[in-house]
C-alpha atoms as a PDB file:
ATOM      1  CA  MET A   1      81.812  92.357 137.291  1.00  0.00           C
ATOM      2  CA  ASN A   2      78.321  93.187 136.170  1.00  0.00           C
ATOM      3  CA  ASN A   3      77.094  96.201 137.984  1.00  0.00           C
ATOM      4  CA  SER A   4      76.706  97.227 134.388  1.00  0.00           C
ATOM      5  CA  SER A   5      72.961  96.972 134.629  1.00  0.00           C
ATOM      6  CA  SER A   6      72.954  99.911 136.977  1.00  0.00           C
ATOM      7  CA  GLN A   7      75.610 101.840 135.100  1.00  0.00           C
ATOM      8  CA  ALA A   8      74.930 101.514 131.404  1.00  0.00           C
ATOM      9  CA  GLN A   9      71.183 100.995 131.572  1.00  0.00           C
ATOM     10  CA  PRO A  10      69.498 104.407 131.455  1.00  0.00           C
ATOM     11  CA  GLY A  11      66.852 104.825 134.112  1.00  0.00           C
ATOM     12  CA  GLY A  12      63.377 105.887 132.980  1.00  0.00           C
ATOM     13  CA  MET A  13      64.164 105.271 129.302  1.00  0.00           C
ATOM     14  CA  MET A  14      63.039 108.069 127.004  1.00  0.00           C
ATOM     15  CA  PHE A  15      63.311 105.920 123.862  1.00  0.00           C
ATOM     16  CA  PRO A  16      60.634 103.979 121.957  1.00  0.00           C
ATOM     17  CA  GLU A  17      60.160 100.398 123.075  1.00  0.00           C
ATOM     18  CA  PRO A  18      63.229  98.532 121.748  1.00  0.00           C
ATOM     19  CA  VAL A  19      61.282  95.624 120.258  1.00  0.00           C
ATOM     20  CA  GLY A  20      64.149  94.494 118.041  1.00  0.00           C
ATOM     21  CA  TRP A  21      66.575  94.314 120.944  1.00  0.00           C
ATOM     22  CA  CYS A  22      64.017  92.483 123.105  1.00  0.00           C
ATOM     23  CA  VAL A  23      63.608  89.853 120.370  1.00  0.00           C
ATOM     24  CA  SER A  24      67.394  89.516 120.010  1.00  0.00           C
ATOM     25  CA  PHE A  25      67.865  89.035 123.751  1.00  0.00           C
ATOM     26  CA  GLY A  26      64.936  86.585 123.813  1.00  0.00           C
ATOM     27  CA  VAL A  27      66.429  84.413 121.059  1.00  0.00           C
ATOM     28  CA  LEU A  28      69.796  84.496 122.834  1.00  0.00           C
ATOM     29  CA  ALA A  29      68.182  83.445 126.129  1.00  0.00           C
ATOM     30  CA  ALA A  30      66.546  80.444 124.417  1.00  0.00           C
ATOM     31  CA  CYS A  31      69.883  79.416 122.861  1.00  0.00           C
ATOM     32  CA  ILE A  32      71.698  79.790 126.204  1.00  0.00           C
ATOM     33  CA  ILE A  33      69.136  77.658 128.039  1.00  0.00           C
ATOM     34  CA  ALA A  34      69.063  74.921 125.376  1.00  0.00           C
ATOM     35  CA  GLY A  35      72.843  74.789 124.952  1.00  0.00           C
ATOM     36  CA  ASN A  36      73.654  74.671 128.642  1.00  0.00           C
ATOM     37  CA  LEU A  37      70.938  72.135 129.489  1.00  0.00           C
ATOM     38  CA  ILE A  38      72.501  69.847 126.885  1.00  0.00           C
ATOM     39  CA  ALA A  39      75.975  70.571 128.295  1.00  0.00           C
ATOM     40  CA  ILE A  40      74.806  69.712 131.825  1.00  0.00           C
ATOM     41  CA  SER A  41      73.283  66.424 130.623  1.00  0.00           C
ATOM     42  CA  VAL A  42      76.646  65.541 129.049  1.00  0.00           C
ATOM     43  CA  LEU A  43      78.894  66.688 131.914  1.00  0.00           C
ATOM     44  CA  THR A  44      76.858  64.798 134.527  1.00  0.00           C
ATOM     45  CA  ARG A  45      77.483  61.450 132.836  1.00  0.00           C
ATOM     46  CA  LYS A  46      79.686  59.070 134.830  1.00  0.00           C
ATOM     47  CA  ARG A  47      82.514  59.231 132.311  1.00  0.00           C
ATOM     48  CA  PHE A  48      82.891  62.979 132.837  1.00  0.00           C
ATOM     49  CA  LEU A  49      82.323  62.936 136.594  1.00  0.00           C
ATOM     50  CA  ARG A  50      85.410  60.738 136.936  1.00  0.00           C
ATOM     51  CA  ARG A  51      87.448  63.703 135.709  1.00  0.00           C
ATOM     52  CA  ARG A  52      87.849  66.320 138.398  1.00  0.00           C
ATOM     53  CA  THR A  53      88.192  69.223 135.963  1.00  0.00           C
ATOM     54  CA  SER A  54      84.657  68.442 134.787  1.00  0.00           C
ATOM     55  CA  TYR A  55      83.364  69.782 138.119  1.00  0.00           C
ATOM     56  CA  PHE A  56      84.638  73.235 137.183  1.00  0.00           C
ATOM     57  CA  LEU A  57      83.122  72.991 133.705  1.00  0.00           C
ATOM     58  CA  LEU A  58      79.838  71.903 135.279  1.00  0.00           C
ATOM     59  CA  SER A  59      79.980  74.861 137.674  1.00  0.00           C
ATOM     60  CA  LEU A  60      80.607  77.235 134.763  1.00  0.00           C
ATOM     61  CA  THR A  61      77.733  75.667 132.819  1.00  0.00           C
ATOM     62  CA  VAL A  62      75.348  76.164 135.753  1.00  0.00           C
ATOM     63  CA  ALA A  63      76.396  79.826 135.957  1.00  0.00           C
ATOM     64  CA  ASP A  64      75.783  80.189 132.208  1.00  0.00           C
ATOM     65  CA  LEU A  65      72.369  78.544 132.577  1.00  0.00           C
ATOM     66  CA  MET A  66      71.481  81.053 135.293  1.00  0.00           C
ATOM     67  CA  VAL A  67      72.392  83.843 132.889  1.00  0.00           C
ATOM     68  CA  GLY A  68      69.905  82.434 130.372  1.00  0.00           C
ATOM     69  CA  THR A  69      67.122  81.792 132.886  1.00  0.00           C
ATOM     70  CA  ILE A  70      67.525  84.847 135.145  1.00  0.00           C
ATOM     71  CA  SER A  71      69.836  87.580 133.856  1.00  0.00           C
ATOM     72  CA  VAL A  72      68.723  87.826 130.213  1.00  0.00           C
ATOM     73  CA  PRO A  73      64.941  87.591 130.863  1.00  0.00           C
ATOM     74  CA  THR A  74      65.139  90.227 133.592  1.00  0.00           C
ATOM     75  CA  TYR A  75      67.173  92.481 131.310  1.00  0.00           C
ATOM     76  CA  ILE A  76      64.427  92.102 128.683  1.00  0.00           C
ATOM     77  CA  PHE A  77      61.934  93.109 131.380  1.00  0.00           C
ATOM     78  CA  GLN A  78      63.967  96.249 132.054  1.00  0.00           C
ATOM     79  CA  LEU A  79      64.044  97.103 128.344  1.00  0.00           C
ATOM     80  CA  ALA A  80      60.334  96.549 127.804  1.00  0.00           C
ATOM     81  CA  ALA A  81      58.875  97.928 131.053  1.00  0.00           C
ATOM     82  CA  SER A  82      61.529 100.519 132.002  1.00  0.00           C
ATOM     83  CA  PRO A  83      60.787 100.103 135.729  1.00  0.00           C
ATOM     84  CA  SER A  84      62.037 102.581 138.300  1.00  0.00           C
ATOM     85  CA  SER A  85      65.499 101.862 139.693  1.00  0.00           C
ATOM     86  CA  ASP A  86      63.966 102.081 143.194  1.00  0.00           C
ATOM     87  CA  ASN A  87      61.768  99.063 142.471  1.00  0.00           C
ATOM     88  CA  THR A  88      62.646  96.261 144.923  1.00  0.00           C
ATOM     89  CA  PHE A  89      62.223  93.590 142.238  1.00  0.00           C
ATOM     90  CA  VAL A  90      64.640  95.451 139.971  1.00  0.00           C
ATOM     91  CA  LYS A  91      67.207  95.561 142.770  1.00  0.00           C
ATOM     92  CA  TYR A  92      66.990  91.793 143.224  1.00  0.00           C
ATOM     93  CA  ILE A  93      67.301  90.994 139.537  1.00  0.00           C
ATOM     94  CA  LYS A  94      70.291  93.319 139.174  1.00  0.00           C
ATOM     95  CA  ALA A  95      71.927  91.650 142.177  1.00  0.00           C
ATOM     96  CA  SER A  96      71.323  88.245 140.556  1.00  0.00           C
ATOM     97  CA  ASP A  97      72.987  89.572 137.397  1.00  0.00           C
ATOM     98  CA  VAL A  98      76.033  90.560 139.452  1.00  0.00           C
ATOM     99  CA  PHE A  99      75.981  87.134 141.146  1.00  0.00           C
ATOM    100  CA  CYS A 100      75.978  85.198 137.837  1.00  0.00           C
ATOM    101  CA  SER A 101      78.739  87.407 136.493  1.00  0.00           C
ATOM    102  CA  LEU A 102      80.968  86.891 139.530  1.00  0.00           C
ATOM    103  CA  ALA A 103      80.318  83.128 139.554  1.00  0.00           C
ATOM    104  CA  SER A 104      81.464  82.858 135.918  1.00  0.00           C
ATOM    105  CA  THR A 105      84.505  85.074 136.502  1.00  0.00           C
ATOM    106  CA  PHE A 106      85.663  83.228 139.627  1.00  0.00           C
ATOM    107  CA  THR A 107      85.083  79.812 138.038  1.00  0.00           C
ATOM    108  CA  LEU A 108      87.271  80.709 135.055  1.00  0.00           C
ATOM    109  CA  THR A 109      89.918  82.027 137.452  1.00  0.00           C
ATOM    110  CA  ILE A 110      89.971  78.831 139.501  1.00  0.00           C
ATOM    111  CA  ILE A 111      90.081  76.767 136.278  1.00  0.00           C
ATOM    112  CA  ALA A 112      93.199  78.650 135.161  1.00  0.00           C
ATOM    113  CA  LEU A 113      94.886  78.105 138.540  1.00  0.00           C
ATOM    114  CA  GLU A 114      93.934  74.408 138.530  1.00  0.00           C
ATOM    115  CA  ARG A 115      95.512  73.966 135.089  1.00  0.00           C
ATOM    116  CA  VAL A 116      98.719  75.617 136.313  1.00  0.00           C
ATOM    117  CA  PHE A 117      98.801  73.196 139.242  1.00  0.00           C
ATOM    118  CA  ALA A 118      98.096  70.217 136.946  1.00  0.00           C
ATOM    119  CA  ILE A 119     100.938  71.061 134.563  1.00  0.00           C
ATOM    120  CA  THR A 120     103.451  72.301 137.155  1.00  0.00           C
ATOM    121  CA  TYR A 121     102.869  69.566 139.758  1.00  0.00           C
ATOM    122  CA  PRO A 122     101.389  66.627 137.794  1.00  0.00           C
ATOM    123  CA  LEU A 123     101.993  63.979 140.474  1.00  0.00           C
ATOM    124  CA  GLN A 124     100.370  66.009 143.259  1.00  0.00           C
ATOM    125  CA  HIS A 125      97.503  66.858 140.914  1.00  0.00           C
ATOM    126  CA  ARG A 126      96.802  63.198 140.165  1.00  0.00           C
ATOM    127  CA  VAL A 127      96.494  62.306 143.845  1.00  0.00           C
ATOM    128  CA  SER A 128      94.308  65.299 144.765  1.00  0.00           C
ATOM    129  CA  THR A 129      90.887  64.224 145.995  1.00  0.00           C
ATOM    130  CA  LYS A 130      87.421  65.051 144.709  1.00  0.00           C
ATOM    131  CA  LYS A 131      86.682  66.589 148.103  1.00  0.00           C
ATOM    132  CA  LEU A 132      89.162  69.370 147.315  1.00  0.00           C
ATOM    133  CA  TYR A 133      87.305  70.121 144.090  1.00  0.00           C
ATOM    134  CA  TYR A 134      83.967  70.177 145.908  1.00  0.00           C
ATOM    135  CA  ILE A 135      85.419  72.724 148.331  1.00  0.00           C
ATOM    136  CA  LEU A 136      86.830  74.885 145.521  1.00  0.00           C
ATOM    137  CA  VAL A 137      83.562  74.905 143.571  1.00  0.00           C
ATOM    138  CA  SER A 138      81.574  75.702 146.723  1.00  0.00           C
ATOM    139  CA  SER A 139      83.996  78.502 147.603  1.00  0.00           C
ATOM    140  CA  VAL A 140      83.475  80.094 144.181  1.00  0.00           C
ATOM    141  CA  TRP A 141      79.705  80.278 144.662  1.00  0.00           C
ATOM    142  CA  ILE A 142      79.926  81.429 148.276  1.00  0.00           C
ATOM    143  CA  LEU A 143      82.376  84.197 147.353  1.00  0.00           C
ATOM    144  CA  ALA A 144      80.154  85.269 144.447  1.00  0.00           C
ATOM    145  CA  GLY A 145      77.156  85.389 146.801  1.00  0.00           C
ATOM    146  CA  VAL A 146      78.985  87.444 149.427  1.00  0.00           C
ATOM    147  CA  LEU A 147      80.331  89.991 146.936  1.00  0.00           C
ATOM    148  CA  SER A 148      77.041  90.327 145.038  1.00  0.00           C
ATOM    149  CA  SER A 149      75.328  91.160 148.352  1.00  0.00           C
ATOM    150  CA  LEU A 150      77.352  94.392 148.322  1.00  0.00           C
ATOM    151  CA  TYR A 151      74.940  95.569 145.641  1.00  0.00           C
ATOM    152  CA  PHE A 152      72.226  95.828 148.314  1.00  0.00           C
ATOM    153  CA  PHE A 153      74.548  97.823 150.564  1.00  0.00           C
ATOM    154  CA  TYR A 154      75.041 100.241 147.677  1.00  0.00           C
ATOM    155  CA  ASN A 155      71.305 100.406 146.864  1.00  0.00           C
ATOM    156  CA  TYR A 156      70.307 101.088 150.460  1.00  0.00           C
ATOM    157  CA  LYS A 157      72.945 103.814 150.799  1.00  0.00           C
ATOM    158  CA  LEU A 158      75.078 101.754 153.186  1.00  0.00           C
ATOM    159  CA  LEU A 159      77.953 101.762 150.725  1.00  0.00           C
ATOM    160  CA  ASP A 160      79.108 104.663 148.598  1.00  0.00           C
ATOM    161  CA  HIS A 161      78.496 104.224 144.874  1.00  0.00           C
ATOM    162  CA  ASP A 162      82.115 104.962 143.957  1.00  0.00           C
ATOM    163  CA  VAL A 163      83.388 102.412 146.467  1.00  0.00           C
ATOM    164  CA  PHE A 164      81.057  99.742 145.075  1.00  0.00           C
ATOM    165  CA  PHE A 165      81.981 100.483 141.462  1.00  0.00           C
ATOM    166  CA  TYR A 166      85.736 100.504 142.014  1.00  0.00           C
ATOM    167  CA  PHE A 167      85.564  97.383 144.181  1.00  0.00           C
ATOM    168  CA  MET A 168      83.785  95.477 141.407  1.00  0.00           C
ATOM    169  CA  LEU A 169      86.163  96.878 138.805  1.00  0.00           C
ATOM    170  CA  ILE A 170      89.214  95.803 140.805  1.00  0.00           C
ATOM    171  CA  THR A 171      87.685  92.353 141.398  1.00  0.00           C
ATOM    172  CA  PHE A 172      87.158  91.819 137.684  1.00  0.00           C
ATOM    173  CA  ALA A 173      90.587  93.239 136.748  1.00  0.00           C
ATOM    174  CA  LEU A 174      92.370  91.101 139.352  1.00  0.00           C
ATOM    175  CA  SER A 175      90.614  87.947 138.150  1.00  0.00           C
ATOM    176  CA  LEU A 176      91.534  88.807 134.576  1.00  0.00           C
ATOM    177  CA  PHE A 177      95.166  89.398 135.562  1.00  0.00           C
ATOM    178  CA  ILE A 178      95.343  86.031 137.364  1.00  0.00           C
ATOM    179  CA  MET A 179      93.916  84.247 134.300  1.00  0.00           C
ATOM    180  CA  LEU A 180      96.426  85.870 131.953  1.00  0.00           C
ATOM    181  CA  VAL A 181      99.410  85.122 134.213  1.00  0.00           C
ATOM    182  CA  ALA A 182      98.212  81.538 134.699  1.00  0.00           C
ATOM    183  CA  TYR A 183      97.972  80.844 130.972  1.00  0.00           C
ATOM    184  CA  ILE A 184     101.346  82.480 130.331  1.00  0.00           C
ATOM    185  CA  VAL A 185     102.833  80.078 132.901  1.00  0.00           C
ATOM    186  CA  ILE A 186     101.001  77.174 131.243  1.00  0.00           C
ATOM    187  CA  TRP A 187     102.340  78.184 127.818  1.00  0.00           C
ATOM    188  CA  ILE A 188     105.904  78.365 129.154  1.00  0.00           C
ATOM    189  CA  ARG A 189     105.617  74.982 130.881  1.00  0.00           C
ATOM    190  CA  VAL A 190     104.063  73.276 127.851  1.00  0.00           C
ATOM    191  CA  THR A 191     106.706  74.739 125.526  1.00  0.00           C
ATOM    192  CA  LYS A 192     109.457  73.549 127.862  1.00  0.00           C
ATOM    193  CA  THR A 193     107.894  70.089 128.108  1.00  0.00           C
ATOM    194  CA  LEU A 194     107.666  69.770 124.327  1.00  0.00           C
ATOM    195  CA  TYR A 195     111.322  70.791 124.033  1.00  0.00           C
ATOM    196  CA  LEU A 196     112.432  68.224 126.615  1.00  0.00           C
ATOM    197  CA  ASP A 197     110.256  65.503 125.073  1.00  0.00           C
ATOM    198  CA  GLU A 198     111.845  66.147 121.694  1.00  0.00           C
ATOM    199  CA  HIS A 199     115.326  65.766 123.166  1.00  0.00           C
ATOM    200  CA  LYS A 200     114.309  62.635 125.054  1.00  0.00           C
ATOM    201  CA  HIS A 201     112.977  61.172 121.818  1.00  0.00           C
ATOM    202  CA  HIS A 202     116.299  61.725 120.079  1.00  0.00           C
ATOM    203  CA  GLY A 203     118.161  60.552 123.159  1.00  0.00           C
ATOM    204  CA  SER A 204     116.332  57.234 123.224  1.00  0.00           C
ATOM    205  CA  LEU A 205     117.937  56.385 119.865  1.00  0.00           C
ATOM    206  CA  SER A 206     121.375  56.637 121.424  1.00  0.00           C
ATOM    207  CA  ALA A 207     121.591  55.757 125.111  1.00  0.00           C
ATOM    208  CA  THR A 208     125.263  56.644 125.293  1.00  0.00           C
ATOM    209  CA  ASP A 209     124.759  60.209 124.037  1.00  0.00           C
ATOM    210  CA  SER A 210     121.628  60.740 126.084  1.00  0.00           C
ATOM    211  CA  PHE A 211     123.182  59.875 129.411  1.00  0.00           C
ATOM    212  CA  SER A 212     126.782  61.006 128.956  1.00  0.00           C
ATOM    213  CA  GLU A 213     126.286  63.726 131.532  1.00  0.00           C
ATOM    214  CA  GLU A 214     125.019  61.203 134.099  1.00  0.00           C
ATOM    215  CA  LYS A 215     128.369  59.402 134.134  1.00  0.00           C
ATOM    216  CA  LYS A 216     129.941  62.348 135.925  1.00  0.00           C
ATOM    217  CA  SER A 217     127.901  61.656 139.063  1.00  0.00           C
ATOM    218  CA  LYS A 218     127.569  58.640 141.309  1.00  0.00           C
ATOM    219  CA  ASP A 219     123.935  58.220 140.277  1.00  0.00           C
ATOM    220  CA  ARG A 220     123.536  57.294 136.627  1.00  0.00           C
ATOM    221  CA  ILE A 221     120.873  55.979 134.326  1.00  0.00           C
ATOM    222  CA  GLU A 222     121.266  53.593 131.407  1.00  0.00           C
ATOM    223  CA  LEU A 223     118.615  52.877 128.814  1.00  0.00           C
ATOM    224  CA  THR A 224     119.115  49.594 126.956  1.00  0.00           C
ATOM    225  CA  PRO A 225     116.813  47.425 124.824  1.00  0.00           C
ATOM    226  CA  ASN A 226     115.684  44.134 126.321  1.00  0.00           C
ATOM    227  CA  PRO A 227     116.092  40.997 124.204  1.00  0.00           C
ATOM    228  CA  SER A 228     112.851  39.965 122.541  1.00  0.00           C
ATOM    229  CA  ASN A 229     111.429  36.681 123.839  1.00  0.00           C
ATOM    230  CA  GLY A 230     109.225  36.258 120.783  1.00  0.00           C
ATOM    231  CA  LYS A 231     106.038  36.339 122.858  1.00  0.00           C
ATOM    232  CA  SER A 232     105.312  40.054 122.583  1.00  0.00           C
ATOM    233  CA  ARG A 233     105.032  42.297 119.594  1.00  0.00           C
ATOM    234  CA  SER A 234     106.360  45.265 121.518  1.00  0.00           C
ATOM    235  CA  SER A 235     110.047  45.606 122.204  1.00  0.00           C
ATOM    236  CA  PRO A 236     110.358  46.633 125.846  1.00  0.00           C
ATOM    237  CA  VAL A 237     113.046  48.972 127.012  1.00  0.00           C
ATOM    238  CA  SER A 238     114.912  48.501 130.268  1.00  0.00           C
ATOM    239  CA  LEU A 239     115.531  51.584 132.408  1.00  0.00           C
ATOM    240  CA  ARG A 240     118.657  50.824 134.462  1.00  0.00           C
ATOM    241  CA  LYS A 241     119.181  53.256 137.335  1.00  0.00           C
ATOM    242  CA  PHE A 242     122.335  53.005 139.448  1.00  0.00           C
ATOM    243  CA  LYS A 243     122.262  54.417 142.992  1.00  0.00           C
ATOM    244  CA  GLY A 244     125.940  54.187 143.867  1.00  0.00           C
ATOM    245  CA  ASN A 245     126.724  50.517 143.215  1.00  0.00           C
ATOM    246  CA  LYS A 246     123.080  49.402 143.528  1.00  0.00           C
ATOM    247  CA  LEU A 247     121.180  48.612 140.372  1.00  0.00           C
ATOM    248  CA  GLN A 248     117.491  49.419 140.032  1.00  0.00           C
ATOM    249  CA  THR A 249     115.722  48.205 136.901  1.00  0.00           C
ATOM    250  CA  LYS A 250     112.306  49.186 135.598  1.00  0.00           C
ATOM    251  CA  ALA A 251     110.769  47.923 132.371  1.00  0.00           C
ATOM    252  CA  LEU A 252     109.192  50.539 130.140  1.00  0.00           C
ATOM    253  CA  THR A 253     107.032  48.929 127.461  1.00  0.00           C
ATOM    254  CA  GLY A 254     105.753  50.553 124.315  1.00  0.00           C
ATOM    255  CA  LYS A 255     102.332  50.731 125.948  1.00  0.00           C
ATOM    256  CA  ASP A 256     103.778  52.734 128.863  1.00  0.00           C
ATOM    257  CA  VAL A 257     105.337  55.248 126.505  1.00  0.00           C
ATOM    258  CA  GLU A 258     102.164  55.498 124.431  1.00  0.00           C
ATOM    259  CA  ARG A 259     100.017  55.927 127.555  1.00  0.00           C
ATOM    260  CA  SER A 260     102.297  58.691 128.829  1.00  0.00           C
ATOM    261  CA  ARG A 261     102.182  60.515 125.505  1.00  0.00           C
ATOM    262  CA  SER A 262      98.405  60.124 125.290  1.00  0.00           C
ATOM    263  CA  ARG A 263      97.964  61.586 128.787  1.00  0.00           C
ATOM    264  CA  ALA A 264     100.251  64.507 127.952  1.00  0.00           C
ATOM    265  CA  ASP A 265      98.387  65.206 124.697  1.00  0.00           C
ATOM    266  CA  SER A 266      95.068  65.085 126.539  1.00  0.00           C
ATOM    267  CA  GLU A 267      96.295  67.576 129.154  1.00  0.00           C
ATOM    268  CA  LYS A 268      97.588  69.928 126.455  1.00  0.00           C
ATOM    269  CA  LYS A 269      94.326  69.774 124.517  1.00  0.00           C
ATOM    270  CA  LEU A 270      92.276  70.411 127.652  1.00  0.00           C
ATOM    271  CA  ALA A 271      94.504  73.360 128.595  1.00  0.00           C
ATOM    272  CA  LEU A 272      94.080  74.824 125.096  1.00  0.00           C
ATOM    273  CA  THR A 273      90.296  74.350 125.264  1.00  0.00           C
ATOM    274  CA  LEU A 274      90.089  76.120 128.614  1.00  0.00           C
ATOM    275  CA  PHE A 275      92.314  78.894 127.280  1.00  0.00           C
ATOM    276  CA  ILE A 276      89.891  79.363 124.363  1.00  0.00           C
ATOM    277  CA  VAL A 277      86.976  79.527 126.822  1.00  0.00           C
ATOM    278  CA  THR A 278      88.841  82.173 128.831  1.00  0.00           C
ATOM    279  CA  ALA A 279      89.801  84.148 125.708  1.00  0.00           C
ATOM    280  CA  VAL A 280      86.175  84.135 124.522  1.00  0.00           C
ATOM    281  CA  PHE A 281      85.131  85.332 127.976  1.00  0.00           C
ATOM    282  CA  ILE A 282      87.548  88.278 127.781  1.00  0.00           C
ATOM    283  CA  VAL A 283      86.516  89.232 124.233  1.00  0.00           C
ATOM    284  CA  THR A 284      82.782  89.123 125.002  1.00  0.00           C
ATOM    285  CA  TRP A 285      82.890  90.734 128.447  1.00  0.00           C
ATOM    286  CA  LEU A 286      85.536  93.417 128.089  1.00  0.00           C
ATOM    287  CA  PRO A 287      83.598  95.780 125.745  1.00  0.00           C
ATOM    288  CA  PHE A 288      80.720  96.125 128.199  1.00  0.00           C
ATOM    289  CA  GLN A 289      83.062  96.706 131.119  1.00  0.00           C
ATOM    290  CA  ILE A 290      84.691  99.500 129.095  1.00  0.00           C
ATOM    291  CA  ILE A 291      81.205 100.927 128.479  1.00  0.00           C
ATOM    292  CA  ASN A 292      80.636 100.737 132.244  1.00  0.00           C
ATOM    293  CA  ILE A 293      83.746 102.774 132.937  1.00  0.00           C
ATOM    294  CA  ILE A 294      82.879 105.370 130.286  1.00  0.00           C
ATOM    295  CA  VAL A 295      79.317 105.813 131.593  1.00  0.00           C
ATOM    296  CA  PHE A 296      80.550 105.975 135.185  1.00  0.00           C
ATOM    297  CA  ARG A 297      83.122 108.672 134.418  1.00  0.00           C
ATOM    298  CA  CYS A 298      80.687 110.680 132.281  1.00  0.00           C
ATOM    299  CA  ARG A 299      78.026 110.702 134.982  1.00  0.00           C
ATOM    300  CA  LYS A 300      80.492 111.389 137.762  1.00  0.00           C
ATOM    301  CA  TYR A 301      81.992 114.431 136.048  1.00  0.00           C
ATOM    302  CA  LYS A 302      78.779 115.389 134.178  1.00  0.00           C
ATOM    303  CA  LEU A 303      80.323 114.965 130.754  1.00  0.00           C
ATOM    304  CA  PHE A 304      78.299 114.553 127.562  1.00  0.00           C
ATOM    305  CA  CYS A 305      80.098 111.427 126.396  1.00  0.00           C
ATOM    306  CA  ILE A 306      77.646 108.599 127.147  1.00  0.00           C
ATOM    307  CA  PRO A 307      77.764 106.084 124.237  1.00  0.00           C
ATOM    308  CA  PRO A 308      74.708 105.674 121.976  1.00  0.00           C
ATOM    309  CA  ILE A 309      72.035 103.414 123.444  1.00  0.00           C
ATOM    310  CA  ASP A 310      72.366 100.896 120.580  1.00  0.00           C
ATOM    311  CA  VAL A 311      76.084 100.533 121.337  1.00  0.00           C
ATOM    312  CA  ILE A 312      75.225  99.779 124.967  1.00  0.00           C
ATOM    313  CA  TYR A 313      72.644  97.171 123.945  1.00  0.00           C
ATOM    314  CA  PHE A 314      75.032  95.532 121.485  1.00  0.00           C
ATOM    315  CA  CYS A 315      77.811  95.274 124.081  1.00  0.00           C
ATOM    316  CA  LYS A 316      75.336  93.813 126.567  1.00  0.00           C
ATOM    317  CA  LEU A 317      74.171  91.271 123.976  1.00  0.00           C
ATOM    318  CA  LEU A 318      77.812  90.364 123.315  1.00  0.00           C
ATOM    319  CA  ASN A 319      78.321  90.101 127.075  1.00  0.00           C
ATOM    320  CA  TYR A 320      75.496  87.580 127.486  1.00  0.00           C
ATOM    321  CA  SER A 321      76.444  85.650 124.327  1.00  0.00           C
ATOM    322  CA  ASN A 322      79.451  84.244 126.180  1.00  0.00           C
ATOM    323  CA  SER A 323      77.079  81.930 128.045  1.00  0.00           C
ATOM    324  CA  PHE A 324      75.970  80.395 124.727  1.00  0.00           C
ATOM    325  CA  ILE A 325      79.437  80.167 123.164  1.00  0.00           C
ATOM    326  CA  ASN A 326      80.921  78.015 125.961  1.00  0.00           C
ATOM    327  CA  PRO A 327      78.875  74.849 125.157  1.00  0.00           C
ATOM    328  CA  VAL A 328      79.751  75.343 121.474  1.00  0.00           C
ATOM    329  CA  VAL A 329      83.464  75.403 122.362  1.00  0.00           C
ATOM    330  CA  TYR A 330      83.080  72.199 124.426  1.00  0.00           C
ATOM    331  CA  SER A 331      81.428  70.376 121.521  1.00  0.00           C
ATOM    332  CA  LEU A 332      84.071  71.527 119.034  1.00  0.00           C
ATOM    333  CA  ARG A 333      87.146  70.989 121.208  1.00  0.00           C
ATOM    334  CA  LEU A 334      86.392  68.002 123.470  1.00  0.00           C
ATOM    335  CA  PRO A 335      86.031  64.674 121.585  1.00  0.00           C
ATOM    336  CA  ASP A 336      84.472  62.904 124.588  1.00  0.00           C
ATOM    337  CA  PHE A 337      81.936  65.707 124.969  1.00  0.00           C
ATOM    338  CA  ARG A 338      81.094  65.494 121.266  1.00  0.00           C
ATOM    339  CA  LEU A 339      80.740  61.703 121.423  1.00  0.00           C
ATOM    340  CA  ALA A 340      78.475  61.849 124.484  1.00  0.00           C
ATOM    341  CA  LEU A 341      76.412  64.581 122.812  1.00  0.00           C
ATOM    342  CA  LYS A 342      75.891  62.399 119.727  1.00  0.00           C
ATOM    343  CA  LYS A 343      74.769  59.495 121.908  1.00  0.00           C
ATOM    344  CA  ILE A 344      72.237  61.696 123.705  1.00  0.00           C
ATOM    345  CA  VAL A 345      70.876  63.097 120.426  1.00  0.00           C
ATOM    346  CA  PHE A 346      70.581  59.646 118.823  1.00  0.00           C
ATOM    347  CA  LYS A 347      68.891  58.290 121.945  1.00  0.00           C
ATOM    348  CA  LYS A 348      66.326  61.108 121.890  1.00  0.00           C
ATOM    349  CA  LEU A 349      65.713  60.549 118.171  1.00  0.00           C
ATOM    350  CA  ARG A 350      65.144  56.824 118.718  1.00  0.00           C
ATOM    351  CA  CYS A 351      62.663  57.626 121.488  1.00  0.00           C
ATOM    352  CA  LEU A 352      60.788  60.015 119.200  1.00  0.00           C
ATOM    353  CA  LEU A 353      60.717  57.458 116.387  1.00  0.00           C
ATOM    354  CA  CYS A 354      59.408  54.809 118.790  1.00  0.00           C
ATOM    355  CA  LEU A 355      56.600  57.147 119.870  1.00  0.00           C
ATOM    356  CA  ASP A 356      55.663  57.730 116.230  1.00  0.00           C
END
């Protein structure tokens, strides 16, 4: 939700030109553009495009880049020029601000839901196609475009201001609620998985204790070590599954176990990274939404409680800073992202040295 530009931004500003704030927003815009251009160059590499979750990260990065190229510069224009709120150009740039905000919010929401699906139904998640992810990403942008168009309905008096404000507020609150519930579910599932893995680890040391409960049913499982043939360093384990009187055997090598653990660790780390991204989003966006509500209520009931202008500017700066923090989180939390980033930097440096 970012109808904030129309709520917290005072029309026809009666203050001196806020040069310091314009410089601060300008520096932030440059950092957002540079950081997200680098992130896009990394996420569009073949290694990342093979991972379907990268499509969501790429979508979020594009939304962040739009904040740096459109939202922040136009906000600086509003600070410096103080144009009339009836200006058509101002209406378009405020609508674009709403659009970028909704695109980021919906992308983070769909990321949270995708992680729940990946951890709750891992087999179905692995066989899901890239086409599904294309559809989900496209749906996020289409929905953001449709909802941001409501800003024009409000500006041209086709939609009541209160209806528009509360609709955007509910949209943001609902998205936030879905994210929180999703990550609570993820935390519960991961905790349960770790608990079961720990018991399986202890159970593998004693097959009799581990599968004592299975003997009560017709279907039972036995885990026994295979004799070493001297040709392999690893000591395979035989998984013996009995279906009635029929024996089914599957060999589980040390590599299989290690691969399974590595995949699980990777999923957990990715889920934690995305949770950090979502938490940063909440921390940086929530203060300005609270300012929005305060300003809205004060103006509606003609109360003298509008926050100081510097508080509004600071919250807006914090709001936009989220678009710069995301690439920083990727580089700190994702080893593959960090490795690809180093390769790109070294390649650029070699090119510069060759030119010299």
